[in-house]
Amino acid sequence: MSKNITRRNMFLTDHIRYILENEALKSLKPQTRAKFLYDQRQKIFDMIEFLKFMLNHLPEGQLEKVFNADAMQPFFKDLLSLESEDKKLRRKRVLSLWRHIIGEATTTDYAQKLVSKEVMDTLIIPIQPSLQAIYLASMFSAQHE
C-alpha cells in the first residue's frame, strides 16, 4: 500500500476523486477512460464481495456498529436516488433494485423468520400505496427489459 493511501481511503483515493468530481474523465483518451471505468467497476465488485463476506462472518454485535440505520441511510438514499443525467436509465436501474429488494423481503420464509407467528397470523395492515406503486412499476419494468 502506498504511503499516500491510508487504510480508510484505499478505495477512493484523491486521484480517483479528482477524476470523477472535476469531469477529468471526459478528457481522458477513450482507451484510458475505458480502462479506468473497468478498474472502478472491479473495485466495486470487490467491495461488494468483501461486504457480503463480512456480513456472513462477523459477530452480530460488530455488524450492528456498521450496518445500522444511521450508517446505511445515506447509502440507501444515494443508491436509490433518481437524480441523474440519464434519468431513464437511472429509473430502470432503481426499479430493478426495488424489484429485487421487495422480492427478497416479501417471501413468506423471510417474513416468518423476521416476525413472530402471532404477527403473521394477525397481519391485516395493507401495504402503503407508494410501496405498492413501486412494486408494480418494478414488476412492469422487468417484463419490458
N, C-alpha and C. Protein backbone atom coordinates (compact mmCIF):
# COMPACT_ATOMS: atom_id res chain seq x y z
N MET A 1 0.85 -1.17 0.00
CA MET A 1 0.00 0.00 0.00
C MET A 1 0.90 1.24 0.00
N SER A 2 0.61 2.17 -0.88
CA SER A 2 1.46 3.36 -0.97
C SER A 2 1.29 4.24 0.26
N LYS A 3 2.28 5.09 0.48
CA LYS A 3 2.28 5.92 1.68
C LYS A 3 1.14 6.94 1.69
N ASN A 4 0.73 7.41 0.51
CA ASN A 4 -0.31 8.44 0.48
C ASN A 4 -1.73 7.88 0.52
N ILE A 5 -1.87 6.57 0.54
CA ILE A 5 -3.19 5.95 0.62
C ILE A 5 -3.33 5.32 2.00
N THR A 6 -4.22 5.87 2.80
CA THR A 6 -4.44 5.30 4.12
C THR A 6 -5.40 4.12 4.00
N ARG A 7 -5.49 3.32 5.04
CA ARG A 7 -6.41 2.19 5.03
C ARG A 7 -7.85 2.64 4.86
N ARG A 8 -8.18 3.81 5.34
CA ARG A 8 -9.57 4.26 5.28
C ARG A 8 -9.98 4.72 3.88
N ASN A 9 -9.04 5.16 3.04
CA ASN A 9 -9.45 5.65 1.73
C ASN A 9 -8.77 4.90 0.59
N MET A 10 -8.43 3.64 0.81
CA MET A 10 -7.73 2.89 -0.23
C MET A 10 -8.60 2.66 -1.46
N PHE A 11 -9.91 2.73 -1.34
CA PHE A 11 -10.79 2.58 -2.50
C PHE A 11 -11.02 3.92 -3.19
N LEU A 12 -11.16 4.97 -2.43
CA LEU A 12 -11.44 6.29 -3.00
C LEU A 12 -10.24 7.19 -2.74
N THR A 13 -9.29 7.14 -3.63
CA THR A 13 -8.08 7.94 -3.48
C THR A 13 -8.34 9.37 -3.92
N ASP A 14 -7.46 10.28 -3.58
CA ASP A 14 -7.57 11.67 -4.04
C ASP A 14 -7.57 11.73 -5.56
N HIS A 15 -6.77 10.88 -6.20
CA HIS A 15 -6.69 10.86 -7.66
C HIS A 15 -8.03 10.46 -8.28
N ILE A 16 -8.64 9.40 -7.77
CA ILE A 16 -9.94 8.95 -8.29
C ILE A 16 -11.00 10.01 -8.04
N ARG A 17 -11.00 10.57 -6.84
CA ARG A 17 -11.97 11.62 -6.52
C ARG A 17 -11.82 12.80 -7.48
N TYR A 18 -10.58 13.19 -7.76
CA TYR A 18 -10.34 14.31 -8.67
C TYR A 18 -10.89 14.01 -10.07
N ILE A 19 -10.61 12.82 -10.57
CA ILE A 19 -11.06 12.46 -11.92
C ILE A 19 -12.58 12.49 -12.01
N LEU A 20 -13.26 11.98 -11.02
CA LEU A 20 -14.72 11.89 -11.08
C LEU A 20 -15.43 13.20 -10.72
N GLU A 21 -14.90 13.95 -9.77
CA GLU A 21 -15.57 15.19 -9.36
C GLU A 21 -15.30 16.36 -10.30
N ASN A 22 -14.19 16.36 -10.99
CA ASN A 22 -13.81 17.50 -11.82
C ASN A 22 -13.98 17.24 -13.31
N GLU A 23 -14.73 16.23 -13.64
CA GLU A 23 -15.00 15.87 -15.02
C GLU A 23 -13.74 15.63 -15.84
N ALA A 24 -12.65 15.27 -15.16
CA ALA A 24 -11.41 14.95 -15.87
C ALA A 24 -11.57 13.66 -16.67
N LEU A 25 -12.56 12.87 -16.33
CA LEU A 25 -12.82 11.62 -17.04
C LEU A 25 -13.08 11.89 -18.53
N LYS A 26 -13.77 12.98 -18.82
CA LYS A 26 -14.10 13.32 -20.20
C LYS A 26 -12.86 13.65 -21.02
N SER A 27 -11.82 14.11 -20.37
CA SER A 27 -10.61 14.49 -21.10
C SER A 27 -9.65 13.32 -21.32
N LEU A 28 -9.94 12.17 -20.73
CA LEU A 28 -9.08 11.01 -20.92
C LEU A 28 -9.26 10.43 -22.32
N LYS A 29 -8.21 9.82 -22.84
CA LYS A 29 -8.31 9.13 -24.12
C LYS A 29 -9.31 7.99 -23.96
N PRO A 30 -10.04 7.65 -25.01
CA PRO A 30 -11.07 6.60 -24.90
C PRO A 30 -10.57 5.29 -24.29
N GLN A 31 -9.39 4.84 -24.67
CA GLN A 31 -8.87 3.59 -24.13
C GLN A 31 -8.53 3.73 -22.64
N THR A 32 -7.97 4.88 -22.27
CA THR A 32 -7.64 5.14 -20.86
C THR A 32 -8.92 5.25 -20.04
N ARG A 33 -9.91 5.93 -20.60
CA ARG A 33 -11.20 6.09 -19.92
C ARG A 33 -11.87 4.72 -19.70
N ALA A 34 -11.87 3.88 -20.73
CA ALA A 34 -12.48 2.55 -20.62
C ALA A 34 -11.76 1.73 -19.55
N LYS A 35 -10.45 1.78 -19.52
CA LYS A 35 -9.68 1.04 -18.51
C LYS A 35 -9.97 1.57 -17.12
N PHE A 36 -10.02 2.89 -16.97
CA PHE A 36 -10.32 3.50 -15.67
C PHE A 36 -11.69 3.04 -15.18
N LEU A 37 -12.71 3.11 -16.03
CA LEU A 37 -14.07 2.72 -15.64
C LEU A 37 -14.14 1.23 -15.32
N TYR A 38 -13.45 0.41 -16.11
CA TYR A 38 -13.41 -1.02 -15.83
C TYR A 38 -12.79 -1.28 -14.46
N ASP A 39 -11.66 -0.63 -14.18
CA ASP A 39 -10.99 -0.80 -12.89
C ASP A 39 -11.89 -0.39 -11.73
N GLN A 40 -12.65 0.70 -11.90
CA GLN A 40 -13.55 1.16 -10.83
C GLN A 40 -14.68 0.15 -10.61
N ARG A 41 -15.23 -0.38 -11.71
CA ARG A 41 -16.27 -1.42 -11.56
C ARG A 41 -15.73 -2.63 -10.82
N GLN A 42 -14.52 -3.06 -11.16
CA GLN A 42 -13.93 -4.21 -10.49
C GLN A 42 -13.73 -3.93 -9.00
N LYS A 43 -13.32 -2.71 -8.66
CA LYS A 43 -13.18 -2.35 -7.25
C LYS A 43 -14.53 -2.43 -6.53
N ILE A 44 -15.57 -1.97 -7.20
CA ILE A 44 -16.91 -2.02 -6.60
C ILE A 44 -17.33 -3.47 -6.37
N PHE A 45 -17.13 -4.32 -7.38
CA PHE A 45 -17.46 -5.74 -7.21
C PHE A 45 -16.67 -6.34 -6.06
N ASP A 46 -15.39 -5.98 -5.95
CA ASP A 46 -14.56 -6.48 -4.84
C ASP A 46 -15.10 -5.99 -3.49
N MET A 47 -15.54 -4.72 -3.44
CA MET A 47 -16.10 -4.19 -2.20
C MET A 47 -17.37 -4.92 -1.82
N ILE A 48 -18.21 -5.21 -2.80
CA ILE A 48 -19.46 -5.93 -2.54
C ILE A 48 -19.16 -7.32 -2.01
N GLU A 49 -18.22 -8.02 -2.62
CA GLU A 49 -17.83 -9.35 -2.13
C GLU A 49 -17.28 -9.27 -0.70
N PHE A 50 -16.48 -8.25 -0.44
CA PHE A 50 -15.94 -8.05 0.91
C PHE A 50 -17.07 -7.85 1.92
N LEU A 51 -18.04 -6.98 1.58
CA LEU A 51 -19.16 -6.72 2.48
C LEU A 51 -19.99 -7.98 2.71
N LYS A 52 -20.27 -8.73 1.65
CA LYS A 52 -21.02 -9.98 1.80
C LYS A 52 -20.28 -10.94 2.72
N PHE A 53 -18.97 -11.05 2.55
CA PHE A 53 -18.18 -11.94 3.41
C PHE A 53 -18.29 -11.49 4.87
N MET A 54 -18.12 -10.20 5.11
CA MET A 54 -18.20 -9.67 6.47
C MET A 54 -19.58 -9.91 7.08
N LEU A 55 -20.63 -9.71 6.29
CA LEU A 55 -21.99 -9.94 6.78
C LEU A 55 -22.19 -11.39 7.24
N ASN A 56 -21.50 -12.30 6.61
CA ASN A 56 -21.66 -13.71 6.95
C ASN A 56 -20.67 -14.22 7.99
N HIS A 57 -19.68 -13.41 8.37
CA HIS A 57 -18.65 -13.93 9.26
C HIS A 57 -18.39 -13.10 10.52
N LEU A 58 -18.75 -11.83 10.52
CA LEU A 58 -18.54 -11.02 11.73
C LEU A 58 -19.64 -11.30 12.75
N PRO A 59 -19.33 -11.17 14.04
CA PRO A 59 -20.39 -11.31 15.07
C PRO A 59 -21.43 -10.20 14.90
N GLU A 60 -22.66 -10.51 15.27
CA GLU A 60 -23.76 -9.57 15.11
C GLU A 60 -23.48 -8.24 15.82
N GLY A 61 -22.83 -8.28 16.96
CA GLY A 61 -22.50 -7.05 17.68
C GLY A 61 -21.63 -6.11 16.86
N GLN A 62 -20.71 -6.67 16.09
CA GLN A 62 -19.86 -5.86 15.21
C GLN A 62 -20.65 -5.34 14.01
N LEU A 63 -21.52 -6.18 13.47
CA LEU A 63 -22.33 -5.77 12.32
C LEU A 63 -23.25 -4.61 12.69
N GLU A 64 -23.78 -4.63 13.91
CA GLU A 64 -24.67 -3.56 14.36
C GLU A 64 -23.96 -2.21 14.38
N LYS A 65 -22.67 -2.21 14.60
CA LYS A 65 -21.91 -0.96 14.64
C LYS A 65 -21.71 -0.36 13.25
N VAL A 66 -21.85 -1.19 12.20
CA VAL A 66 -21.63 -0.72 10.83
C VAL A 66 -22.93 -0.67 10.04
N PHE A 67 -23.69 -1.77 10.07
CA PHE A 67 -24.89 -1.88 9.26
C PHE A 67 -26.13 -1.50 10.08
N ASN A 68 -26.18 -0.26 10.50
CA ASN A 68 -27.32 0.24 11.26
C ASN A 68 -27.99 1.35 10.45
N ALA A 69 -29.15 1.78 10.90
CA ALA A 69 -29.93 2.76 10.14
C ALA A 69 -29.15 4.06 9.92
N ASP A 70 -28.46 4.55 10.94
CA ASP A 70 -27.72 5.80 10.79
C ASP A 70 -26.62 5.70 9.74
N ALA A 71 -25.92 4.60 9.71
CA ALA A 71 -24.83 4.43 8.76
C ALA A 71 -25.33 4.11 7.35
N MET A 72 -26.39 3.34 7.25
CA MET A 72 -26.84 2.86 5.95
C MET A 72 -27.80 3.80 5.24
N GLN A 73 -28.50 4.67 5.97
CA GLN A 73 -29.50 5.55 5.34
C GLN A 73 -28.90 6.41 4.23
N PRO A 74 -27.76 7.07 4.44
CA PRO A 74 -27.20 7.86 3.33
C PRO A 74 -26.82 7.00 2.12
N PHE A 75 -26.35 5.78 2.37
CA PHE A 75 -26.02 4.87 1.27
C PHE A 75 -27.28 4.51 0.48
N PHE A 76 -28.35 4.12 1.19
CA PHE A 76 -29.59 3.77 0.51
C PHE A 76 -30.16 4.96 -0.25
N LYS A 77 -30.07 6.14 0.36
CA LYS A 77 -30.57 7.35 -0.31
C LYS A 77 -29.86 7.56 -1.64
N ASP A 78 -28.52 7.42 -1.64
CA ASP A 78 -27.77 7.60 -2.88
C ASP A 78 -28.00 6.44 -3.86
N LEU A 79 -28.08 5.22 -3.35
CA LEU A 79 -28.29 4.06 -4.20
C LEU A 79 -29.62 4.14 -4.94
N LEU A 80 -30.65 4.65 -4.27
CA LEU A 80 -31.99 4.69 -4.84
C LEU A 80 -32.37 6.06 -5.39
N SER A 81 -31.43 6.99 -5.41
CA SER A 81 -31.69 8.34 -5.91
C SER A 81 -32.08 8.29 -7.39
N LEU A 82 -32.98 9.18 -7.77
CA LEU A 82 -33.39 9.29 -9.17
C LEU A 82 -32.69 10.44 -9.88
N GLU A 83 -31.80 11.12 -9.18
CA GLU A 83 -31.07 12.24 -9.78
C GLU A 83 -29.96 11.71 -10.67
N SER A 84 -30.01 12.06 -11.95
CA SER A 84 -29.01 11.58 -12.90
C SER A 84 -29.13 12.37 -14.19
N GLU A 85 -28.05 12.40 -14.95
CA GLU A 85 -28.11 12.99 -16.28
C GLU A 85 -28.97 12.13 -17.20
N ASP A 86 -28.95 10.82 -16.99
CA ASP A 86 -29.74 9.89 -17.78
C ASP A 86 -30.85 9.32 -16.89
N LYS A 87 -31.92 10.10 -16.75
CA LYS A 87 -32.99 9.73 -15.82
C LYS A 87 -33.68 8.43 -16.22
N LYS A 88 -33.80 8.16 -17.51
CA LYS A 88 -34.46 6.93 -17.97
C LYS A 88 -33.66 5.71 -17.55
N LEU A 89 -32.36 5.74 -17.77
CA LEU A 89 -31.51 4.62 -17.38
C LEU A 89 -31.45 4.47 -15.87
N ARG A 90 -31.38 5.60 -15.14
CA ARG A 90 -31.36 5.55 -13.67
C ARG A 90 -32.65 4.94 -13.15
N ARG A 91 -33.79 5.39 -13.69
CA ARG A 91 -35.09 4.87 -13.26
C ARG A 91 -35.17 3.36 -13.48
N LYS A 92 -34.68 2.89 -14.62
CA LYS A 92 -34.69 1.46 -14.92
C LYS A 92 -33.85 0.69 -13.90
N ARG A 93 -32.67 1.22 -13.57
CA ARG A 93 -31.79 0.55 -12.61
C ARG A 93 -32.42 0.52 -11.22
N VAL A 94 -33.00 1.65 -10.80
CA VAL A 94 -33.60 1.74 -9.47
C VAL A 94 -34.82 0.83 -9.36
N LEU A 95 -35.65 0.80 -10.39
CA LEU A 95 -36.81 -0.10 -10.35
C LEU A 95 -36.37 -1.56 -10.28
N SER A 96 -35.31 -1.90 -10.96
CA SER A 96 -34.79 -3.27 -10.89
C SER A 96 -34.32 -3.59 -9.47
N LEU A 97 -33.63 -2.64 -8.84
CA LEU A 97 -33.21 -2.84 -7.45
C LEU A 97 -34.41 -3.03 -6.54
N TRP A 98 -35.43 -2.17 -6.70
CA TRP A 98 -36.63 -2.29 -5.87
C TRP A 98 -37.29 -3.66 -6.07
N ARG A 99 -37.35 -4.12 -7.32
CA ARG A 99 -37.97 -5.43 -7.59
C ARG A 99 -37.25 -6.52 -6.79
N HIS A 100 -35.94 -6.47 -6.76
CA HIS A 100 -35.18 -7.49 -6.03
C HIS A 100 -35.28 -7.30 -4.52
N ILE A 101 -35.26 -6.07 -4.06
CA ILE A 101 -35.40 -5.81 -2.62
C ILE A 101 -36.76 -6.29 -2.13
N ILE A 102 -37.81 -5.88 -2.83
CA ILE A 102 -39.16 -6.27 -2.43
C ILE A 102 -39.34 -7.78 -2.55
N GLY A 103 -38.80 -8.35 -3.61
CA GLY A 103 -38.89 -9.80 -3.79
C GLY A 103 -38.26 -10.57 -2.64
N GLU A 104 -37.07 -10.13 -2.22
CA GLU A 104 -36.39 -10.79 -1.10
C GLU A 104 -37.15 -10.59 0.21
N ALA A 105 -37.63 -9.38 0.43
CA ALA A 105 -38.26 -9.04 1.71
C ALA A 105 -39.67 -9.58 1.85
N THR A 106 -40.29 -9.96 0.75
CA THR A 106 -41.69 -10.39 0.84
C THR A 106 -41.88 -11.89 0.70
N THR A 107 -40.81 -12.65 0.71
CA THR A 107 -41.00 -14.10 0.69
C THR A 107 -41.56 -14.53 2.04
N THR A 108 -42.43 -15.51 2.02
CA THR A 108 -43.03 -16.00 3.26
C THR A 108 -41.96 -16.51 4.21
N ASP A 109 -40.99 -17.21 3.68
CA ASP A 109 -39.92 -17.76 4.51
C ASP A 109 -39.19 -16.64 5.26
N TYR A 110 -38.85 -15.57 4.56
CA TYR A 110 -38.15 -14.44 5.19
C TYR A 110 -39.04 -13.79 6.25
N ALA A 111 -40.28 -13.53 5.90
CA ALA A 111 -41.20 -12.89 6.84
C ALA A 111 -41.38 -13.72 8.10
N GLN A 112 -41.48 -15.03 7.94
CA GLN A 112 -41.66 -15.90 9.10
C GLN A 112 -40.43 -15.91 10.00
N LYS A 113 -39.25 -15.74 9.42
CA LYS A 113 -38.03 -15.68 10.22
C LYS A 113 -37.88 -14.32 10.90
N LEU A 114 -38.43 -13.28 10.28
CA LEU A 114 -38.25 -11.92 10.79
C LEU A 114 -39.25 -11.57 11.88
N VAL A 115 -40.50 -11.97 11.72
CA VAL A 115 -41.53 -11.60 12.70
C VAL A 115 -42.15 -12.84 13.32
N SER A 116 -42.82 -12.64 14.44
CA SER A 116 -43.40 -13.78 15.16
C SER A 116 -44.61 -14.34 14.42
N LYS A 117 -44.95 -15.57 14.76
CA LYS A 117 -46.12 -16.23 14.17
C LYS A 117 -47.40 -15.45 14.47
N GLU A 118 -47.48 -14.88 15.67
CA GLU A 118 -48.67 -14.11 16.05
C GLU A 118 -48.85 -12.92 15.12
N VAL A 119 -47.77 -12.26 14.80
CA VAL A 119 -47.85 -11.12 13.89
C VAL A 119 -48.26 -11.60 12.50
N MET A 120 -47.65 -12.68 12.02
CA MET A 120 -48.01 -13.21 10.70
C MET A 120 -49.48 -13.61 10.64
N ASP A 121 -50.00 -14.20 11.73
CA ASP A 121 -51.38 -14.66 11.74
C ASP A 121 -52.39 -13.52 11.82
N THR A 122 -51.99 -12.39 12.40
CA THR A 122 -52.94 -11.30 12.60
C THR A 122 -52.69 -10.12 11.66
N LEU A 123 -51.73 -10.23 10.80
CA LEU A 123 -51.37 -9.11 9.93
C LEU A 123 -52.48 -8.81 8.93
N ILE A 124 -53.08 -7.65 9.09
CA ILE A 124 -54.12 -7.23 8.16
C ILE A 124 -53.88 -5.81 7.67
N ILE A 125 -52.74 -5.24 8.06
CA ILE A 125 -52.44 -3.88 7.67
C ILE A 125 -52.09 -3.86 6.18
N PRO A 126 -52.78 -3.04 5.39
CA PRO A 126 -52.47 -3.00 3.96
C PRO A 126 -51.12 -2.33 3.70
N ILE A 127 -50.53 -2.66 2.59
CA ILE A 127 -49.26 -2.04 2.19
C ILE A 127 -49.54 -0.61 1.75
N GLN A 128 -48.64 0.29 2.10
CA GLN A 128 -48.79 1.69 1.71
C GLN A 128 -48.90 1.80 0.19
N PRO A 129 -49.76 2.67 -0.30
CA PRO A 129 -49.92 2.82 -1.75
C PRO A 129 -48.61 3.15 -2.48
N SER A 130 -47.74 3.94 -1.86
CA SER A 130 -46.48 4.28 -2.53
C SER A 130 -45.61 3.05 -2.73
N LEU A 131 -45.58 2.15 -1.73
CA LEU A 131 -44.81 0.93 -1.86
C LEU A 131 -45.44 0.00 -2.90
N GLN A 132 -46.77 -0.03 -2.93
CA GLN A 132 -47.47 -0.82 -3.95
C GLN A 132 -47.12 -0.30 -5.35
N ALA A 133 -47.09 1.01 -5.50
CA ALA A 133 -46.78 1.61 -6.81
C ALA A 133 -45.36 1.26 -7.24
N ILE A 134 -44.40 1.34 -6.31
CA ILE A 134 -43.01 0.99 -6.64
C ILE A 134 -42.94 -0.47 -7.03
N TYR A 135 -43.62 -1.32 -6.27
CA TYR A 135 -43.61 -2.75 -6.56
C TYR A 135 -44.19 -3.02 -7.95
N LEU A 136 -45.35 -2.45 -8.24
CA LEU A 136 -45.97 -2.69 -9.54
C LEU A 136 -45.11 -2.15 -10.68
N ALA A 137 -44.54 -0.97 -10.51
CA ALA A 137 -43.69 -0.39 -11.55
C ALA A 137 -42.44 -1.24 -11.76
N SER A 138 -41.88 -1.77 -10.68
CA SER A 138 -40.68 -2.60 -10.82
C SER A 138 -41.01 -3.91 -11.54
N MET A 139 -42.17 -4.47 -11.27
CA MET A 139 -42.57 -5.70 -11.94
C MET A 139 -42.87 -5.43 -13.41
N PHE A 140 -43.52 -4.31 -13.71
CA PHE A 140 -43.84 -3.94 -15.07
C PHE A 140 -42.57 -3.70 -15.88
N SER A 141 -41.58 -3.03 -15.26
CA SER A 141 -40.34 -2.75 -15.98
C SER A 141 -39.56 -4.04 -16.25
N ALA A 142 -39.68 -5.03 -15.38
CA ALA A 142 -38.98 -6.30 -15.57
C ALA A 142 -39.52 -7.03 -16.80
N GLN A 143 -40.81 -6.88 -17.06
CA GLN A 143 -41.42 -7.54 -18.20
C GLN A 143 -41.00 -6.89 -19.52
N HIS A 144 -40.52 -5.65 -19.45
CA HIS A 144 -40.16 -4.91 -20.67
C HIS A 144 -38.66 -4.73 -20.83
N GLU A 145 -37.86 -5.51 -20.12
CA GLU A 145 -36.39 -5.41 -20.25
C GLU A 145 -35.90 -6.30 -21.35
